[in-house]
Amino acid sequence: MRAWSSLLRPRQYSKEEPFIRAGDVPMAYAFVVEGLLCQHYVGRDGDLIIKSFFLENRIAASVSATLLGEPSLFTITAIEHSIVLEYDFAAFKSLVSDFPDIAAFYISYMERHWIIKKEPDEIAFLHDDAMQRYIDFIRREPELHKRLKQYNIAACLGITPESPSAGCEEQSPSQGLTDADAISYQTSILSRPDCSISVGEEPP
């Protein structure tokens, strides 16, 4: 791994600062030391759509565009102030054939985060309704969801941000609560037969 560490360049990104812009041909990957980034694009109707979140110990990258040497379809932006270790992917790739341990790590990482982890999400989009995807996200990512605004979660899950439905409006005290508290409260009443909530808030 020493050969790989020689390629690493420390870099900091302020909140809302882009690491990769849509339309650029990306050359680098970034290992997230501290902070949180997201990969996103703008849909046909002008809605924000989030493809992935990259938190600590994840590698932020526009993988397909980097491999193909083509303009990225996505932007990767820091949601929080973030510290990363960037490295040139072409230089990293040249190490793979000479260092089996690096090759094994990279293959294992890609299998886990870009194949195995994404498959259930793809199935969920086909078979689960929006609320079920929301509940599953909170169960699957209990710490991550506390760091996100509700509209970030909605943009990731394909849920249109809107106020609580009329069936729960009188019961919900979520107005005035923090986003995390509102999410926790809404989740606690999802099982009520007289209540159906659609999550989210409009971004500022």
N, C-alpha and C. Protein backbone atom coordinates (compact mmCIF):
# COMPACT_ATOMS: atom_id res chain seq x y z
N MET A 1 0.81 -1.21 0.00
CA MET A 1 0.00 0.00 0.00
C MET A 1 0.86 1.28 0.00
N ARG A 2 2.15 1.16 0.25
CA ARG A 2 3.01 2.34 0.25
C ARG A 2 3.03 2.99 -1.13
N ALA A 3 3.02 2.15 -2.17
CA ALA A 3 3.03 2.69 -3.52
C ALA A 3 1.79 3.55 -3.76
N TRP A 4 0.66 3.08 -3.25
CA TRP A 4 -0.58 3.84 -3.39
C TRP A 4 -0.52 5.13 -2.58
N SER A 5 -0.01 5.06 -1.36
CA SER A 5 0.02 6.24 -0.50
C SER A 5 0.87 7.36 -1.10
N SER A 6 1.82 7.00 -1.94
CA SER A 6 2.66 8.02 -2.57
C SER A 6 1.88 8.88 -3.57
N LEU A 7 0.72 8.38 -4.00
CA LEU A 7 -0.11 9.12 -4.95
C LEU A 7 -1.09 10.07 -4.28
N LEU A 8 -1.29 9.91 -2.98
CA LEU A 8 -2.35 10.64 -2.29
C LEU A 8 -2.01 12.11 -2.08
N ARG A 9 -2.99 12.97 -2.35
CA ARG A 9 -2.83 14.41 -2.17
C ARG A 9 -3.96 14.92 -1.25
N PRO A 10 -3.61 15.41 -0.06
CA PRO A 10 -4.65 15.94 0.83
C PRO A 10 -5.34 17.15 0.21
N ARG A 11 -6.66 17.21 0.40
CA ARG A 11 -7.43 18.32 -0.14
C ARG A 11 -8.65 18.54 0.73
N GLN A 12 -9.03 19.79 0.89
CA GLN A 12 -10.23 20.12 1.65
C GLN A 12 -11.26 20.77 0.74
N TYR A 13 -12.52 20.44 0.99
CA TYR A 13 -13.63 21.02 0.24
C TYR A 13 -14.61 21.66 1.20
N SER A 14 -14.96 22.89 0.91
CA SER A 14 -15.95 23.58 1.73
C SER A 14 -17.34 23.03 1.40
N LYS A 15 -18.28 23.27 2.28
CA LYS A 15 -19.66 22.86 2.04
C LYS A 15 -20.17 23.47 0.73
N GLU A 16 -20.76 22.63 -0.11
CA GLU A 16 -21.32 22.98 -1.42
C GLU A 16 -20.25 23.19 -2.49
N GLU A 17 -19.00 22.94 -2.18
CA GLU A 17 -17.94 23.04 -3.20
C GLU A 17 -17.88 21.74 -4.00
N PRO A 18 -17.83 21.80 -5.32
CA PRO A 18 -17.79 20.58 -6.13
C PRO A 18 -16.42 19.94 -6.19
N PHE A 19 -16.40 18.64 -6.14
CA PHE A 19 -15.18 17.85 -6.39
C PHE A 19 -15.11 17.52 -7.88
N ILE A 20 -16.23 17.13 -8.47
CA ILE A 20 -16.35 16.87 -9.91
C ILE A 20 -17.58 17.60 -10.42
N ARG A 21 -17.47 18.25 -11.55
CA ARG A 21 -18.61 18.92 -12.17
C ARG A 21 -19.11 18.11 -13.37
N ALA A 22 -20.42 18.06 -13.52
CA ALA A 22 -21.00 17.41 -14.69
C ALA A 22 -20.46 18.09 -15.96
N GLY A 23 -20.07 17.26 -16.93
CA GLY A 23 -19.51 17.79 -18.17
C GLY A 23 -18.00 17.76 -18.21
N ASP A 24 -17.36 17.68 -17.04
CA ASP A 24 -15.90 17.56 -17.00
C ASP A 24 -15.49 16.10 -17.15
N VAL A 25 -14.32 15.86 -17.70
CA VAL A 25 -13.76 14.51 -17.77
C VAL A 25 -12.96 14.30 -16.48
N PRO A 26 -13.44 13.47 -15.56
CA PRO A 26 -12.75 13.31 -14.28
C PRO A 26 -11.48 12.49 -14.41
N MET A 27 -10.48 12.88 -13.65
CA MET A 27 -9.19 12.19 -13.68
C MET A 27 -8.84 11.56 -12.32
N ALA A 28 -9.52 12.01 -11.27
CA ALA A 28 -9.13 11.61 -9.92
C ALA A 28 -10.26 10.96 -9.15
N TYR A 29 -9.85 10.12 -8.19
CA TYR A 29 -10.73 9.58 -7.17
C TYR A 29 -10.36 10.29 -5.86
N ALA A 30 -11.25 10.21 -4.86
CA ALA A 30 -10.98 10.84 -3.58
C ALA A 30 -11.43 9.93 -2.44
N PHE A 31 -10.51 9.59 -1.56
CA PHE A 31 -10.84 8.83 -0.35
C PHE A 31 -11.27 9.83 0.71
N VAL A 32 -12.47 9.62 1.26
CA VAL A 32 -13.04 10.58 2.22
C VAL A 32 -12.50 10.28 3.62
N VAL A 33 -11.72 11.21 4.14
CA VAL A 33 -11.17 11.09 5.49
C VAL A 33 -12.17 11.61 6.51
N GLU A 34 -12.78 12.74 6.18
CA GLU A 34 -13.75 13.37 7.08
C GLU A 34 -14.74 14.16 6.24
N GLY A 35 -16.02 14.06 6.59
CA GLY A 35 -17.02 14.83 5.87
C GLY A 35 -17.98 13.97 5.08
N LEU A 36 -18.68 14.59 4.16
CA LEU A 36 -19.74 13.91 3.41
C LEU A 36 -19.92 14.59 2.05
N LEU A 37 -19.92 13.78 0.99
CA LEU A 37 -20.15 14.28 -0.36
C LEU A 37 -21.31 13.51 -0.97
N CYS A 38 -21.90 14.06 -2.03
CA CYS A 38 -22.95 13.35 -2.73
C CYS A 38 -22.76 13.48 -4.24
N GLN A 39 -23.17 12.45 -4.96
CA GLN A 39 -23.13 12.42 -6.42
C GLN A 39 -24.54 12.68 -6.92
N HIS A 40 -24.72 13.70 -7.76
CA HIS A 40 -26.08 14.09 -8.13
C HIS A 40 -26.14 14.64 -9.54
N TYR A 41 -27.37 14.76 -10.03
CA TYR A 41 -27.62 15.38 -11.32
C TYR A 41 -29.00 16.00 -11.30
N VAL A 42 -29.32 16.76 -12.33
CA VAL A 42 -30.62 17.43 -12.43
C VAL A 42 -31.47 16.67 -13.44
N GLY A 43 -32.67 16.25 -13.00
CA GLY A 43 -33.57 15.48 -13.86
C GLY A 43 -34.22 16.34 -14.93
N ARG A 44 -35.02 15.70 -15.76
CA ARG A 44 -35.68 16.39 -16.88
C ARG A 44 -36.59 17.52 -16.42
N ASP A 45 -37.19 17.36 -15.24
CA ASP A 45 -38.10 18.37 -14.73
C ASP A 45 -37.39 19.40 -13.85
N GLY A 46 -36.07 19.33 -13.82
CA GLY A 46 -35.31 20.29 -13.01
C GLY A 46 -35.16 19.88 -11.57
N ASP A 47 -35.54 18.65 -11.22
CA ASP A 47 -35.44 18.17 -9.85
C ASP A 47 -34.04 17.63 -9.57
N LEU A 48 -33.57 17.86 -8.36
CA LEU A 48 -32.30 17.29 -7.92
C LEU A 48 -32.46 15.80 -7.70
N ILE A 49 -31.57 15.00 -8.27
CA ILE A 49 -31.58 13.55 -8.08
C ILE A 49 -30.21 13.14 -7.56
N ILE A 50 -30.18 12.51 -6.40
CA ILE A 50 -28.92 12.08 -5.78
C ILE A 50 -28.73 10.59 -6.04
N LYS A 51 -27.58 10.27 -6.60
CA LYS A 51 -27.26 8.88 -6.93
C LYS A 51 -26.56 8.17 -5.79
N SER A 52 -25.64 8.86 -5.11
CA SER A 52 -24.86 8.22 -4.05
C SER A 52 -24.41 9.25 -3.02
N PHE A 53 -24.18 8.75 -1.80
CA PHE A 53 -23.54 9.53 -0.76
C PHE A 53 -22.17 8.91 -0.48
N PHE A 54 -21.19 9.76 -0.22
CA PHE A 54 -19.84 9.28 0.11
C PHE A 54 -19.46 9.87 1.46
N LEU A 55 -19.46 9.03 2.49
CA LEU A 55 -19.07 9.47 3.81
C LEU A 55 -17.68 8.92 4.14
N GLU A 56 -17.27 9.03 5.39
CA GLU A 56 -15.92 8.62 5.78
C GLU A 56 -15.62 7.18 5.35
N ASN A 57 -14.39 6.98 4.88
CA ASN A 57 -13.88 5.67 4.43
C ASN A 57 -14.49 5.18 3.13
N ARG A 58 -15.17 6.07 2.41
CA ARG A 58 -15.66 5.75 1.07
C ARG A 58 -14.79 6.45 0.03
N ILE A 59 -14.81 5.95 -1.17
CA ILE A 59 -14.09 6.56 -2.28
C ILE A 59 -15.09 7.28 -3.17
N ALA A 60 -14.95 8.59 -3.27
CA ALA A 60 -15.83 9.40 -4.10
C ALA A 60 -15.27 9.44 -5.52
N ALA A 61 -16.13 9.10 -6.49
CA ALA A 61 -15.67 9.07 -7.87
C ALA A 61 -16.85 8.99 -8.82
N SER A 62 -16.65 9.50 -10.02
CA SER A 62 -17.58 9.27 -11.13
C SER A 62 -16.94 8.14 -11.93
N VAL A 63 -17.22 6.91 -11.52
CA VAL A 63 -16.45 5.75 -11.96
C VAL A 63 -16.52 5.52 -13.48
N SER A 64 -17.73 5.46 -14.02
CA SER A 64 -17.86 5.16 -15.45
C SER A 64 -17.15 6.20 -16.31
N ALA A 65 -17.35 7.47 -15.99
CA ALA A 65 -16.74 8.54 -16.78
C ALA A 65 -15.22 8.48 -16.69
N THR A 66 -14.69 8.17 -15.51
CA THR A 66 -13.24 8.08 -15.35
C THR A 66 -12.68 6.91 -16.14
N LEU A 67 -13.34 5.76 -16.08
CA LEU A 67 -12.86 4.59 -16.79
C LEU A 67 -12.90 4.79 -18.30
N LEU A 68 -13.94 5.46 -18.78
CA LEU A 68 -14.13 5.65 -20.22
C LEU A 68 -13.44 6.90 -20.75
N GLY A 69 -12.99 7.78 -19.85
CA GLY A 69 -12.40 9.02 -20.29
C GLY A 69 -13.41 9.94 -20.94
N GLU A 70 -14.64 9.92 -20.44
CA GLU A 70 -15.72 10.71 -21.01
C GLU A 70 -16.23 11.74 -20.00
N PRO A 71 -16.95 12.77 -20.47
CA PRO A 71 -17.52 13.75 -19.54
C PRO A 71 -18.47 13.09 -18.55
N SER A 72 -18.37 13.51 -17.32
CA SER A 72 -19.23 12.95 -16.28
C SER A 72 -20.66 13.45 -16.44
N LEU A 73 -21.61 12.54 -16.23
CA LEU A 73 -23.02 12.91 -16.23
C LEU A 73 -23.43 13.48 -14.87
N PHE A 74 -22.55 13.33 -13.88
CA PHE A 74 -22.88 13.68 -12.51
C PHE A 74 -21.92 14.73 -11.95
N THR A 75 -22.42 15.46 -10.97
CA THR A 75 -21.60 16.35 -10.16
C THR A 75 -21.43 15.70 -8.79
N ILE A 76 -20.24 15.82 -8.23
CA ILE A 76 -20.01 15.36 -6.86
C ILE A 76 -19.68 16.59 -6.02
N THR A 77 -20.49 16.82 -4.99
CA THR A 77 -20.40 18.03 -4.19
C THR A 77 -20.28 17.70 -2.71
N ALA A 78 -19.52 18.50 -1.98
CA ALA A 78 -19.42 18.32 -0.53
C ALA A 78 -20.69 18.84 0.13
N ILE A 79 -21.35 17.99 0.90
CA ILE A 79 -22.52 18.40 1.68
C ILE A 79 -22.07 19.04 2.99
N GLU A 80 -20.94 18.55 3.51
CA GLU A 80 -20.31 19.10 4.70
C GLU A 80 -18.88 19.51 4.34
N HIS A 81 -18.26 20.30 5.20
CA HIS A 81 -16.83 20.55 5.01
C HIS A 81 -16.13 19.20 5.04
N SER A 82 -15.32 18.92 4.03
CA SER A 82 -14.76 17.57 3.87
C SER A 82 -13.25 17.61 3.65
N ILE A 83 -12.60 16.61 4.20
CA ILE A 83 -11.17 16.39 3.99
C ILE A 83 -11.01 15.07 3.24
N VAL A 84 -10.32 15.10 2.12
CA VAL A 84 -10.16 13.91 1.30
C VAL A 84 -8.69 13.71 0.93
N LEU A 85 -8.40 12.52 0.45
CA LEU A 85 -7.10 12.20 -0.13
C LEU A 85 -7.34 11.87 -1.60
N GLU A 86 -6.97 12.79 -2.47
CA GLU A 86 -7.19 12.59 -3.90
C GLU A 86 -6.01 11.84 -4.52
N TYR A 87 -6.31 11.08 -5.58
CA TYR A 87 -5.23 10.43 -6.32
C TYR A 87 -5.63 10.27 -7.78
N ASP A 88 -4.65 10.39 -8.64
CA ASP A 88 -4.88 10.25 -10.07
C ASP A 88 -5.20 8.79 -10.39
N PHE A 89 -6.34 8.57 -11.05
CA PHE A 89 -6.78 7.20 -11.27
C PHE A 89 -5.87 6.45 -12.25
N ALA A 90 -5.38 7.13 -13.29
CA ALA A 90 -4.50 6.46 -14.25
C ALA A 90 -3.23 5.97 -13.57
N ALA A 91 -2.67 6.79 -12.67
CA ALA A 91 -1.48 6.39 -11.93
C ALA A 91 -1.79 5.22 -10.99
N PHE A 92 -2.97 5.28 -10.37
CA PHE A 92 -3.38 4.18 -9.49
C PHE A 92 -3.55 2.89 -10.29
N LYS A 93 -4.19 3.00 -11.43
CA LYS A 93 -4.45 1.81 -12.24
C LYS A 93 -3.17 1.13 -12.68
N SER A 94 -2.11 1.91 -12.91
CA SER A 94 -0.84 1.33 -13.31
C SER A 94 -0.20 0.51 -12.20
N LEU A 95 -0.62 0.76 -10.95
CA LEU A 95 -0.07 0.01 -9.82
C LEU A 95 -0.72 -1.37 -9.68
N VAL A 96 -1.93 -1.51 -10.20
CA VAL A 96 -2.71 -2.72 -9.96
C VAL A 96 -2.00 -3.97 -10.46
N SER A 97 -1.40 -3.89 -11.65
CA SER A 97 -0.74 -5.07 -12.21
C SER A 97 0.54 -5.44 -11.46
N ASP A 98 1.13 -4.47 -10.77
CA ASP A 98 2.40 -4.73 -10.06
C ASP A 98 2.21 -5.07 -8.59
N PHE A 99 1.06 -4.72 -8.03
CA PHE A 99 0.84 -4.92 -6.60
C PHE A 99 -0.48 -5.66 -6.38
N PRO A 100 -0.43 -6.97 -6.21
CA PRO A 100 -1.64 -7.78 -6.05
C PRO A 100 -2.50 -7.36 -4.86
N ASP A 101 -1.87 -6.85 -3.79
CA ASP A 101 -2.66 -6.44 -2.63
C ASP A 101 -3.54 -5.23 -2.95
N ILE A 102 -3.03 -4.32 -3.77
CA ILE A 102 -3.82 -3.17 -4.18
C ILE A 102 -4.96 -3.61 -5.10
N ALA A 103 -4.65 -4.53 -6.01
CA ALA A 103 -5.67 -5.05 -6.91
C ALA A 103 -6.78 -5.74 -6.13
N ALA A 104 -6.41 -6.54 -5.13
CA ALA A 104 -7.41 -7.26 -4.34
C ALA A 104 -8.29 -6.30 -3.56
N PHE A 105 -7.68 -5.26 -2.99
CA PHE A 105 -8.46 -4.27 -2.25
C PHE A 105 -9.44 -3.57 -3.17
N TYR A 106 -8.97 -3.14 -4.31
CA TYR A 106 -9.82 -2.37 -5.23
C TYR A 106 -10.99 -3.21 -5.73
N ILE A 107 -10.73 -4.45 -6.09
CA ILE A 107 -11.80 -5.34 -6.56
C ILE A 107 -12.83 -5.57 -5.46
N SER A 108 -12.34 -5.83 -4.24
CA SER A 108 -13.24 -6.06 -3.11
C SER A 108 -14.09 -4.83 -2.83
N TYR A 109 -13.47 -3.66 -2.87
CA TYR A 109 -14.20 -2.42 -2.60
C TYR A 109 -15.28 -2.19 -3.65
N MET A 110 -14.94 -2.34 -4.91
CA MET A 110 -15.90 -2.11 -5.98
C MET A 110 -17.05 -3.10 -5.92
N GLU A 111 -16.75 -4.35 -5.62
CA GLU A 111 -17.79 -5.36 -5.51
C GLU A 111 -18.76 -5.01 -4.39
N ARG A 112 -18.22 -4.56 -3.26
CA ARG A 112 -19.06 -4.27 -2.10
C ARG A 112 -19.92 -3.04 -2.29
N HIS A 113 -19.31 -1.94 -2.74
CA HIS A 113 -20.01 -0.66 -2.76
C HIS A 113 -20.69 -0.32 -4.08
N TRP A 114 -20.22 -0.89 -5.18
CA TRP A 114 -20.79 -0.52 -6.47
C TRP A 114 -21.63 -1.62 -7.10
N ILE A 115 -21.59 -2.82 -6.50
CA ILE A 115 -22.39 -3.92 -7.05
C ILE A 115 -23.33 -4.48 -5.98
N ILE A 116 -22.75 -5.09 -4.93
CA ILE A 116 -23.56 -5.76 -3.91
C ILE A 116 -24.48 -4.78 -3.20
N LYS A 117 -23.94 -3.62 -2.80
CA LYS A 117 -24.74 -2.66 -2.04
C LYS A 117 -25.82 -2.01 -2.88
N LYS A 118 -25.58 -1.84 -4.17
CA LYS A 118 -26.53 -1.14 -5.03
C LYS A 118 -27.68 -2.03 -5.54
N GLU A 119 -27.44 -3.34 -5.57
CA GLU A 119 -28.46 -4.23 -6.11
C GLU A 119 -29.78 -4.15 -5.35
N PRO A 120 -29.78 -4.19 -4.00
CA PRO A 120 -31.07 -4.07 -3.29
C PRO A 120 -31.77 -2.75 -3.57
N ASP A 121 -31.00 -1.66 -3.75
CA ASP A 121 -31.61 -0.37 -4.05
C ASP A 121 -32.33 -0.40 -5.39
N GLU A 122 -31.71 -1.04 -6.38
CA GLU A 122 -32.32 -1.13 -7.70
C GLU A 122 -33.61 -1.94 -7.65
N ILE A 123 -33.59 -3.02 -6.87
CA ILE A 123 -34.80 -3.85 -6.73
C ILE A 123 -35.90 -3.07 -6.00
N ALA A 124 -35.50 -2.31 -4.97
CA ALA A 124 -36.47 -1.53 -4.20
C ALA A 124 -37.18 -0.51 -5.07
N PHE A 125 -36.46 0.12 -5.99
CA PHE A 125 -37.09 1.11 -6.86
C PHE A 125 -38.14 0.48 -7.76
N LEU A 126 -37.95 -0.79 -8.08
CA LEU A 126 -38.89 -1.47 -8.95
C LEU A 126 -40.12 -1.99 -8.20
N HIS A 127 -39.94 -2.37 -6.93
CA HIS A 127 -41.01 -3.09 -6.23
C HIS A 127 -41.59 -2.37 -5.01
N ASP A 128 -40.83 -1.47 -4.36
CA ASP A 128 -41.30 -0.83 -3.13
C ASP A 128 -41.86 0.56 -3.41
N ASP A 129 -42.85 0.95 -2.60
CA ASP A 129 -43.36 2.30 -2.74
C ASP A 129 -42.41 3.28 -2.05
N ALA A 130 -42.68 4.56 -2.22
CA ALA A 130 -41.77 5.59 -1.71
C ALA A 130 -41.59 5.50 -0.20
N MET A 131 -42.67 5.28 0.53
CA MET A 131 -42.57 5.24 1.98
C MET A 131 -41.74 4.06 2.46
N GLN A 132 -41.87 2.91 1.79
CA GLN A 132 -41.08 1.75 2.19
C GLN A 132 -39.60 2.01 1.93
N ARG A 133 -39.28 2.67 0.83
CA ARG A 133 -37.88 3.00 0.56
C ARG A 133 -37.33 3.94 1.62
N TYR A 134 -38.18 4.86 2.07
CA TYR A 134 -37.79 5.81 3.11
C TYR A 134 -37.49 5.10 4.43
N ILE A 135 -38.38 4.20 4.82
CA ILE A 135 -38.19 3.45 6.07
C ILE A 135 -36.92 2.60 5.98
N ASP A 136 -36.73 1.91 4.86
CA ASP A 136 -35.57 1.05 4.69
C ASP A 136 -34.27 1.85 4.72
N PHE A 137 -34.29 3.06 4.16
CA PHE A 137 -33.10 3.90 4.18
C PHE A 137 -32.70 4.24 5.61
N ILE A 138 -33.68 4.62 6.43
CA ILE A 138 -33.39 4.98 7.82
C ILE A 138 -32.85 3.77 8.58
N ARG A 139 -33.43 2.60 8.34
CA ARG A 139 -32.96 1.39 9.02
C ARG A 139 -31.56 1.00 8.55
N ARG A 140 -31.30 1.18 7.26
CA ARG A 140 -30.02 0.77 6.68
C ARG A 140 -28.90 1.76 6.99
N GLU A 141 -29.25 3.05 7.08
CA GLU A 141 -28.24 4.10 7.28
C GLU A 141 -28.63 4.97 8.49
N PRO A 142 -28.64 4.39 9.70
CA PRO A 142 -29.13 5.13 10.88
C PRO A 142 -28.29 6.36 11.22
N GLU A 143 -26.99 6.33 10.96
CA GLU A 143 -26.15 7.47 11.27
C GLU A 143 -26.15 8.48 10.12
N LEU A 144 -26.10 7.99 8.89
CA LEU A 144 -26.07 8.89 7.74
C LEU A 144 -27.30 9.77 7.69
N HIS A 145 -28.49 9.20 7.94
CA HIS A 145 -29.71 10.00 7.76
C HIS A 145 -29.77 11.16 8.75
N LYS A 146 -29.07 11.05 9.88
CA LYS A 146 -29.05 12.14 10.86
C LYS A 146 -28.24 13.34 10.35
N ARG A 147 -27.38 13.08 9.38
CA ARG A 147 -26.53 14.15 8.84
C ARG A 147 -27.13 14.81 7.59
N LEU A 148 -28.27 14.32 7.17
CA LEU A 148 -28.86 14.80 5.92
C LEU A 148 -30.11 15.63 6.16
N LYS A 149 -30.36 16.58 5.26
CA LYS A 149 -31.65 17.25 5.22
C LYS A 149 -32.66 16.29 4.60
N GLN A 150 -33.91 16.48 4.93
CA GLN A 150 -34.93 15.58 4.40
C GLN A 150 -35.00 15.63 2.88
N TYR A 151 -34.75 16.81 2.30
CA TYR A 151 -34.82 16.89 0.84
C TYR A 151 -33.67 16.13 0.19
N ASN A 152 -32.52 15.98 0.92
CA ASN A 152 -31.43 15.15 0.42
C ASN A 152 -31.87 13.69 0.34
N ILE A 153 -32.55 13.23 1.40
CA ILE A 153 -33.03 11.86 1.42
C ILE A 153 -34.08 11.65 0.34
N ALA A 154 -34.98 12.61 0.20
CA ALA A 154 -36.03 12.51 -0.81
C ALA A 154 -35.42 12.45 -2.21
N ALA A 155 -34.38 13.26 -2.46
CA ALA A 155 -33.74 13.28 -3.77
C ALA A 155 -33.03 11.97 -4.07
N CYS A 156 -32.59 11.27 -3.04
CA CYS A 156 -31.92 9.98 -3.21
C CYS A 156 -32.91 8.85 -3.45
N LEU A 157 -34.08 8.94 -2.80
CA LEU A 157 -35.04 7.84 -2.84
C LEU A 157 -36.13 8.01 -3.90
N GLY A 158 -36.10 9.13 -4.61
CA GLY A 158 -37.12 9.35 -5.61
C GLY A 158 -38.45 9.73 -5.01
N ILE A 159 -38.43 10.38 -3.84
CA ILE A 159 -39.65 10.83 -3.18
C ILE A 159 -39.82 12.32 -3.44
N THR A 160 -40.99 12.73 -3.89
CA THR A 160 -41.25 14.14 -4.10
C THR A 160 -41.45 14.82 -2.77
N PRO A 161 -40.60 15.80 -2.40
CA PRO A 161 -40.77 16.47 -1.11
C PRO A 161 -42.12 17.18 -1.04
N GLU A 162 -42.85 16.92 0.03
CA GLU A 162 -44.14 17.60 0.24
C GLU A 162 -44.47 17.55 1.72
N SER A 163 -45.43 18.32 2.13
CA SER A 163 -45.82 18.37 3.54
C SER A 163 -46.57 17.11 3.92
N PRO A 164 -46.70 16.84 5.24
CA PRO A 164 -47.44 15.66 5.68
C PRO A 164 -48.84 15.63 5.11
N SER A 165 -49.32 14.44 4.86
CA SER A 165 -50.66 14.29 4.28
C SER A 165 -51.73 14.70 5.27
N ALA A 166 -52.91 14.93 4.74
CA ALA A 166 -54.00 15.43 5.58
C ALA A 166 -54.34 14.46 6.71
N GLY A 167 -54.14 13.16 6.48
CA GLY A 167 -54.48 12.16 7.48
C GLY A 167 -53.66 12.27 8.73
N CYS A 168 -52.47 12.91 8.62
CA CYS A 168 -51.58 13.02 9.78
C CYS A 168 -51.36 14.45 10.20
N GLU A 169 -51.92 15.38 9.49
CA GLU A 169 -51.58 16.77 9.72
C GLU A 169 -51.87 17.20 11.15
N GLU A 170 -53.00 16.75 11.70
CA GLU A 170 -53.34 17.17 13.04
C GLU A 170 -52.51 16.46 14.09
N GLN A 171 -52.01 15.24 13.72
CA GLN A 171 -51.27 14.46 14.71
C GLN A 171 -49.80 14.85 14.75
N SER A 172 -49.28 15.42 13.66
CA SER A 172 -47.85 15.62 13.54
C SER A 172 -47.38 16.93 14.15
N PRO A 173 -46.46 16.88 15.13
CA PRO A 173 -45.89 18.09 15.69
C PRO A 173 -44.55 18.41 15.05
N SER A 174 -44.31 17.88 13.81
CA SER A 174 -42.98 17.94 13.23
C SER A 174 -42.55 19.36 12.89
N GLN A 175 -43.53 20.29 12.71
CA GLN A 175 -43.14 21.65 12.42
C GLN A 175 -42.41 22.25 13.61
N GLY A 176 -41.26 22.85 13.37
CA GLY A 176 -40.47 23.44 14.43
C GLY A 176 -39.41 22.51 14.99
N LEU A 177 -39.47 21.22 14.66
CA LEU A 177 -38.45 20.28 15.10
C LEU A 177 -37.27 20.31 14.14
N THR A 178 -36.14 19.81 14.61
CA THR A 178 -35.01 19.64 13.71
C THR A 178 -35.37 18.56 12.69
N ASP A 179 -34.64 18.52 11.58
CA ASP A 179 -34.92 17.51 10.56
C ASP A 179 -34.81 16.10 11.13
N ALA A 180 -33.76 15.86 11.94
CA ALA A 180 -33.56 14.52 12.49
C ALA A 180 -34.71 14.13 13.40
N ASP A 181 -35.17 15.10 14.23
CA ASP A 181 -36.29 14.81 15.13
C ASP A 181 -37.58 14.58 14.36
N ALA A 182 -37.77 15.36 13.30
CA ALA A 182 -38.98 15.19 12.49
C ALA A 182 -38.99 13.83 11.82
N ILE A 183 -37.84 13.42 11.31
CA ILE A 183 -37.75 12.10 10.69
C ILE A 183 -38.06 11.01 11.71
N SER A 184 -37.46 11.14 12.90
CA SER A 184 -37.68 10.14 13.95
C SER A 184 -39.15 10.07 14.32
N TYR A 185 -39.80 11.23 14.46
CA TYR A 185 -41.22 11.23 14.82
C TYR A 185 -42.06 10.61 13.72
N GLN A 186 -41.80 11.02 12.49
CA GLN A 186 -42.60 10.50 11.39
C GLN A 186 -42.47 8.99 11.28
N THR A 187 -41.25 8.49 11.47
CA THR A 187 -41.05 7.05 11.40
C THR A 187 -41.83 6.32 12.48
N SER A 188 -41.93 6.94 13.66
CA SER A 188 -42.61 6.28 14.78
C SER A 188 -44.11 6.12 14.56
N ILE A 189 -44.69 6.93 13.65
CA ILE A 189 -46.15 6.83 13.46
C ILE A 189 -46.52 6.23 12.11
N LEU A 190 -45.53 5.72 11.39
CA LEU A 190 -45.82 5.18 10.07
C LEU A 190 -46.78 4.00 10.10
N SER A 191 -46.74 3.25 11.19
CA SER A 191 -47.55 2.04 11.26
C SER A 191 -49.00 2.30 11.64
N ARG A 192 -49.35 3.54 11.96
CA ARG A 192 -50.73 3.82 12.33
C ARG A 192 -51.64 3.66 11.12
N PRO A 193 -52.74 2.96 11.25
CA PRO A 193 -53.62 2.71 10.11
C PRO A 193 -54.27 3.97 9.56
N ASP A 194 -54.38 5.03 10.37
CA ASP A 194 -55.04 6.24 9.92
C ASP A 194 -54.06 7.30 9.43
N CYS A 195 -52.80 6.89 9.23
CA CYS A 195 -51.78 7.88 8.94
C CYS A 195 -50.88 7.44 7.80
N SER A 196 -50.68 8.32 6.84
CA SER A 196 -49.75 8.08 5.74
C SER A 196 -48.97 9.35 5.48
N ILE A 197 -47.64 9.30 5.64
CA ILE A 197 -46.82 10.50 5.53
C ILE A 197 -45.94 10.45 4.31
N SER A 198 -45.88 11.54 3.60
CA SER A 198 -44.88 11.73 2.57
C SER A 198 -43.84 12.68 3.11
N VAL A 199 -42.57 12.32 2.97
CA VAL A 199 -41.53 13.04 3.69
C VAL A 199 -40.99 14.18 2.89
N GLY A 200 -40.25 15.06 3.61
CA GLY A 200 -39.44 16.03 2.93
C GLY A 200 -39.80 17.47 3.26
N GLU A 201 -38.88 18.33 2.85
CA GLU A 201 -39.09 19.76 2.95
C GLU A 201 -38.45 20.37 1.72
N GLU A 202 -38.90 21.51 1.33
CA GLU A 202 -38.32 22.16 0.19
C GLU A 202 -36.95 22.69 0.56
N PRO A 203 -35.95 22.51 -0.30
CA PRO A 203 -34.63 23.04 -0.01
C PRO A 203 -34.66 24.56 0.05
N PRO A 204 -33.77 25.14 0.88
CA PRO A 204 -33.76 26.59 1.01
C PRO A 204 -33.29 27.23 -0.27
